[in-house]
């Protein structure tokens, strides 16, 4: 099993529940809950670039785009 190397990288883990944990986290229909609150799975998928150079190129391109949208000093004269 590889370690997580990048920020925002996640791994799904399945943990077998003991009888005691099932009493705490599952209701009679085996819905996941804690206390009186039902728990939902959060699915945050962040796509990581496989090529570290592509993000550097994208950053430079955004800089060029921003330069094109800069306005000259506005004098108010028409």
Protein backbone atom coordinates (compact mmCIF):
# COMPACT_ATOMS: atom_id res chain seq x y z
CA UNK A 1 0.00 0.00 0.00
CA UNK A 2 1.42 3.37 -1.01
CA UNK A 3 1.42 6.39 1.26
CA UNK A 4 -0.48 9.57 0.49
CA UNK A 5 1.97 12.03 -1.02
CA UNK A 6 0.02 15.09 -2.10
CA UNK A 7 -2.22 17.63 -0.39
CA UNK A 8 -5.94 16.80 -0.73
CA UNK A 9 -5.15 13.20 -1.70
CA UNK A 10 -7.56 10.76 -0.07
CA UNK A 11 -7.99 7.04 0.36
CA UNK A 12 -11.14 5.08 1.08
CA UNK A 13 -10.88 2.78 4.06
CA UNK A 14 -13.28 0.06 5.17
CA UNK A 15 -13.20 -0.76 8.85
CA UNK A 16 -15.01 -3.85 10.13
CA UNK A 17 -17.27 -2.89 13.04
CA UNK A 18 -17.30 -4.87 16.23
CA UNK A 19 -20.64 -5.56 17.94
CA UNK A 20 -20.02 -2.63 20.29
CA UNK A 21 -19.30 -0.22 17.41
CA UNK A 22 -22.37 -1.47 15.52
CA UNK A 23 -24.51 -0.57 18.54
CA UNK A 24 -23.05 2.94 18.53
CA UNK A 25 -23.01 3.69 14.79
CA UNK A 26 -25.80 1.60 13.21
CA UNK A 27 -29.55 1.71 13.75
CA UNK A 28 -31.84 -1.34 13.49
CA UNK A 29 -31.85 -1.05 9.65
CA UNK A 30 -28.04 -0.69 9.60
CA UNK A 31 -28.12 2.98 8.58
CA UNK A 32 -25.02 4.81 9.72
CA UNK A 33 -25.79 7.26 12.52
CA UNK A 34 -24.29 8.87 15.58
CA UNK A 35 -26.73 9.59 18.35
CA UNK A 36 -29.92 10.81 16.67
CA UNK A 37 -28.10 12.14 13.58
CA UNK A 38 -27.89 10.09 10.39
CA UNK A 39 -24.49 10.31 8.76
CA UNK A 40 -23.94 10.78 5.03
CA UNK A 41 -20.91 9.86 3.01
CA UNK A 42 -19.03 12.92 1.84
CA UNK A 43 -17.60 12.46 -1.61
CA UNK A 44 -15.12 15.23 -2.32
CA UNK A 45 -13.17 14.30 -5.40
CA UNK A 46 -10.29 16.53 -6.33
CA UNK A 47 -8.52 15.78 -9.56
CA UNK A 48 -4.78 16.02 -9.18
CA UNK A 49 -2.61 16.77 -12.14
CA UNK A 50 -0.41 13.85 -13.09
CA UNK A 51 2.11 16.27 -14.53
CA UNK A 52 3.51 18.90 -12.17
CA UNK A 53 4.61 21.03 -15.11
CA UNK A 54 1.10 21.46 -16.49
CA UNK A 55 0.02 23.48 -13.43
CA UNK A 56 3.02 25.78 -13.83
CA UNK A 57 2.08 26.38 -17.47
CA UNK A 58 -1.54 27.05 -16.50
CA UNK A 59 -0.40 29.62 -13.91
CA UNK A 60 1.65 31.44 -16.52
CA UNK A 61 -1.24 31.42 -18.97
CA UNK A 62 -3.52 33.00 -16.34
CA UNK A 63 -0.95 35.76 -15.89
CA UNK A 64 -0.98 36.50 -19.62
CA UNK A 65 -4.76 36.50 -19.68
CA UNK A 66 -4.91 38.90 -16.72
CA UNK A 67 -2.51 41.30 -18.49
CA UNK A 68 -4.83 41.47 -21.50
CA UNK A 69 -7.71 42.58 -19.29
CA UNK A 70 -5.87 45.41 -17.53
CA UNK A 71 -7.27 48.81 -18.44
CA UNK A 72 -5.17 51.87 -19.11
CA UNK A 73 -5.60 54.87 -16.81
CA UNK A 74 -9.11 56.22 -17.22
CA UNK A 75 -9.17 59.97 -17.79
CA UNK A 76 -12.96 60.41 -18.07
CA UNK A 77 -12.61 62.25 -21.40
CA UNK A 78 -14.35 60.91 -24.49
